[in-house]
Amino acid sequence: MYNADHSQGAIRLLFVVNPTLADATVTLEDLAVEGTSAWRLVADTERFIDEPVHGMTQTLTSELFIPALSCALWTSEV
């Protein structure tokens, strides 16, 4: 996570990468993200997302599933 402590302003970035050939689950308990809409998915392995896209359902939760050979980028301005 970039700017976790808000020392660089309000915007935070979370970039998650799974460079392996196996699916993975990442535990994000310390981020207190469960049930919040503060984080917005802005890019993933398939696309860069300018506006909300129908079918983009991966939300940021405390147990984040990341498919093999993939990545995702979220932003928060809270």
C-alpha atoms as a PDB file:
ATOM      1  CA  MET A   1       0.000   0.000   0.000  1.00  0.00           C
ATOM      2  CA  TYR A   2       1.191   3.455  -0.884  1.00  0.00           C
ATOM      3  CA  ASN A   3       0.408   6.248   1.592  1.00  0.00           C
ATOM      4  CA  ALA A   4      -1.141   3.991   4.259  1.00  0.00           C
ATOM      5  CA  ASP A   5      -0.553   6.651   6.924  1.00  0.00           C
ATOM      6  CA  HIS A   6      -1.962   9.527   4.806  1.00  0.00           C
ATOM      7  CA  SER A   7       1.361  11.372   5.108  1.00  0.00           C
ATOM      8  CA  GLN A   8       1.199  12.202   1.371  1.00  0.00           C
ATOM      9  CA  GLY A   9      -2.426  13.387   1.352  1.00  0.00           C
ATOM     10  CA  ALA A  10      -5.790  11.637   1.258  1.00  0.00           C
ATOM     11  CA  ILE A  11      -5.250   9.296  -1.704  1.00  0.00           C
ATOM     12  CA  ARG A  12      -4.029   5.760  -0.972  1.00  0.00           C
ATOM     13  CA  LEU A  13      -3.158   3.046  -3.490  1.00  0.00           C
ATOM     14  CA  LEU A  14      -3.206  -0.699  -2.972  1.00  0.00           C
ATOM     15  CA  PHE A  15      -1.495  -2.820  -5.626  1.00  0.00           C
ATOM     16  CA  VAL A  16      -1.817  -6.599  -5.298  1.00  0.00           C
ATOM     17  CA  VAL A  17       0.202  -8.965  -7.506  1.00  0.00           C
ATOM     18  CA  ASN A  18       0.177 -12.749  -7.778  1.00  0.00           C
ATOM     19  CA  PRO A  19       3.138 -13.721  -9.966  1.00  0.00           C
ATOM     20  CA  THR A  20       2.730 -17.443  -9.271  1.00  0.00           C
ATOM     21  CA  LEU A  21       1.010 -20.185 -11.261  1.00  0.00           C
ATOM     22  CA  ALA A  22      -1.391 -20.894  -8.382  1.00  0.00           C
ATOM     23  CA  ASP A  23      -4.399 -18.912  -7.158  1.00  0.00           C
ATOM     24  CA  ALA A  24      -3.805 -17.139  -3.846  1.00  0.00           C
ATOM     25  CA  THR A  25      -5.706 -15.514  -1.011  1.00  0.00           C
ATOM     26  CA  VAL A  26      -4.203 -12.461   0.647  1.00  0.00           C
ATOM     27  CA  THR A  27      -5.242 -11.516   4.183  1.00  0.00           C
ATOM     28  CA  LEU A  28      -5.854  -7.783   4.591  1.00  0.00           C
ATOM     29  CA  GLU A  29      -7.172  -7.738   8.160  1.00  0.00           C
ATOM     30  CA  ASP A  30      -5.180  -4.672   9.184  1.00  0.00           C
ATOM     31  CA  LEU A  31      -6.735  -2.521   6.478  1.00  0.00           C
ATOM     32  CA  ALA A  32     -10.250  -2.706   7.931  1.00  0.00           C
ATOM     33  CA  VAL A  33     -11.709  -2.885   4.434  1.00  0.00           C
ATOM     34  CA  GLU A  34     -14.593  -5.300   4.986  1.00  0.00           C
ATOM     35  CA  GLY A  35     -17.958  -3.771   4.156  1.00  0.00           C
ATOM     36  CA  THR A  36     -16.611  -0.414   3.031  1.00  0.00           C
ATOM     37  CA  SER A  37     -17.004   1.297  -0.314  1.00  0.00           C
ATOM     38  CA  ALA A  38     -13.971   3.493   0.326  1.00  0.00           C
ATOM     39  CA  TRP A  39     -11.822   1.426  -2.051  1.00  0.00           C
ATOM     40  CA  ARG A  40     -12.457   1.559  -5.813  1.00  0.00           C
ATOM     41  CA  LEU A  41     -10.957  -0.915  -8.275  1.00  0.00           C
ATOM     42  CA  VAL A  42      -9.186   1.129 -10.968  1.00  0.00           C
ATOM     43  CA  ALA A  43      -7.239  -1.543 -12.851  1.00  0.00           C
ATOM     44  CA  ASP A  44      -6.796  -5.287 -13.080  1.00  0.00           C
ATOM     45  CA  THR A  45      -5.020  -7.776 -15.314  1.00  0.00           C
ATOM     46  CA  GLU A  46      -7.622  -7.313 -18.058  1.00  0.00           C
ATOM     47  CA  ARG A  47      -8.219  -3.567 -18.157  1.00  0.00           C
ATOM     48  CA  PHE A  48      -7.748  -0.062 -16.795  1.00  0.00           C
ATOM     49  CA  ILE A  49     -11.101   1.160 -15.517  1.00  0.00           C
ATOM     50  CA  ASP A  50     -12.061   4.823 -16.003  1.00  0.00           C
ATOM     51  CA  GLU A  51     -15.706   4.395 -14.985  1.00  0.00           C
ATOM     52  CA  PRO A  52     -17.581   1.653 -13.144  1.00  0.00           C
ATOM     53  CA  VAL A  53     -17.920  -1.309 -15.497  1.00  0.00           C
ATOM     54  CA  HIS A  54     -20.753  -3.814 -15.507  1.00  0.00           C
ATOM     55  CA  GLY A  55     -19.343  -7.155 -14.419  1.00  0.00           C
ATOM     56  CA  MET A  56     -16.537  -5.752 -12.284  1.00  0.00           C
ATOM     57  CA  THR A  57     -17.445  -7.496  -9.063  1.00  0.00           C
ATOM     58  CA  GLN A  58     -14.157  -7.957  -7.223  1.00  0.00           C
ATOM     59  CA  THR A  59     -14.398  -5.897  -4.084  1.00  0.00           C
ATOM     60  CA  LEU A  60     -11.718  -5.328  -1.502  1.00  0.00           C
ATOM     61  CA  THR A  61     -12.331  -7.581   1.498  1.00  0.00           C
ATOM     62  CA  SER A  62     -10.203  -8.852   4.386  1.00  0.00           C
ATOM     63  CA  GLU A  63      -9.701 -12.158   2.477  1.00  0.00           C
ATOM     64  CA  LEU A  64      -8.804 -11.133  -1.056  1.00  0.00           C
ATOM     65  CA  PHE A  65      -8.714 -13.797  -3.788  1.00  0.00           C
ATOM     66  CA  ILE A  66      -6.066 -13.170  -6.458  1.00  0.00           C
ATOM     67  CA  PRO A  67      -6.002 -15.525  -9.470  1.00  0.00           C
ATOM     68  CA  ALA A  68      -2.722 -16.924 -10.751  1.00  0.00           C
ATOM     69  CA  LEU A  69      -0.588 -14.530 -12.810  1.00  0.00           C
ATOM     70  CA  SER A  70      -2.758 -11.506 -12.106  1.00  0.00           C
ATOM     71  CA  CYS A  71      -2.767  -8.115 -10.442  1.00  0.00           C
ATOM     72  CA  ALA A  72      -5.203  -5.442  -9.307  1.00  0.00           C
ATOM     73  CA  LEU A  73      -5.016  -1.790  -8.253  1.00  0.00           C
ATOM     74  CA  TRP A  74      -7.415  -0.056  -5.873  1.00  0.00           C
ATOM     75  CA  THR A  75      -7.578   3.577  -4.769  1.00  0.00           C
ATOM     76  CA  SER A  76      -9.124   5.235  -1.731  1.00  0.00           C
ATOM     77  CA  GLU A  77      -9.575   8.919  -0.968  1.00  0.00           C
ATOM     78  CA  VAL A  78     -10.901   8.519   2.569  1.00  0.00           C
END
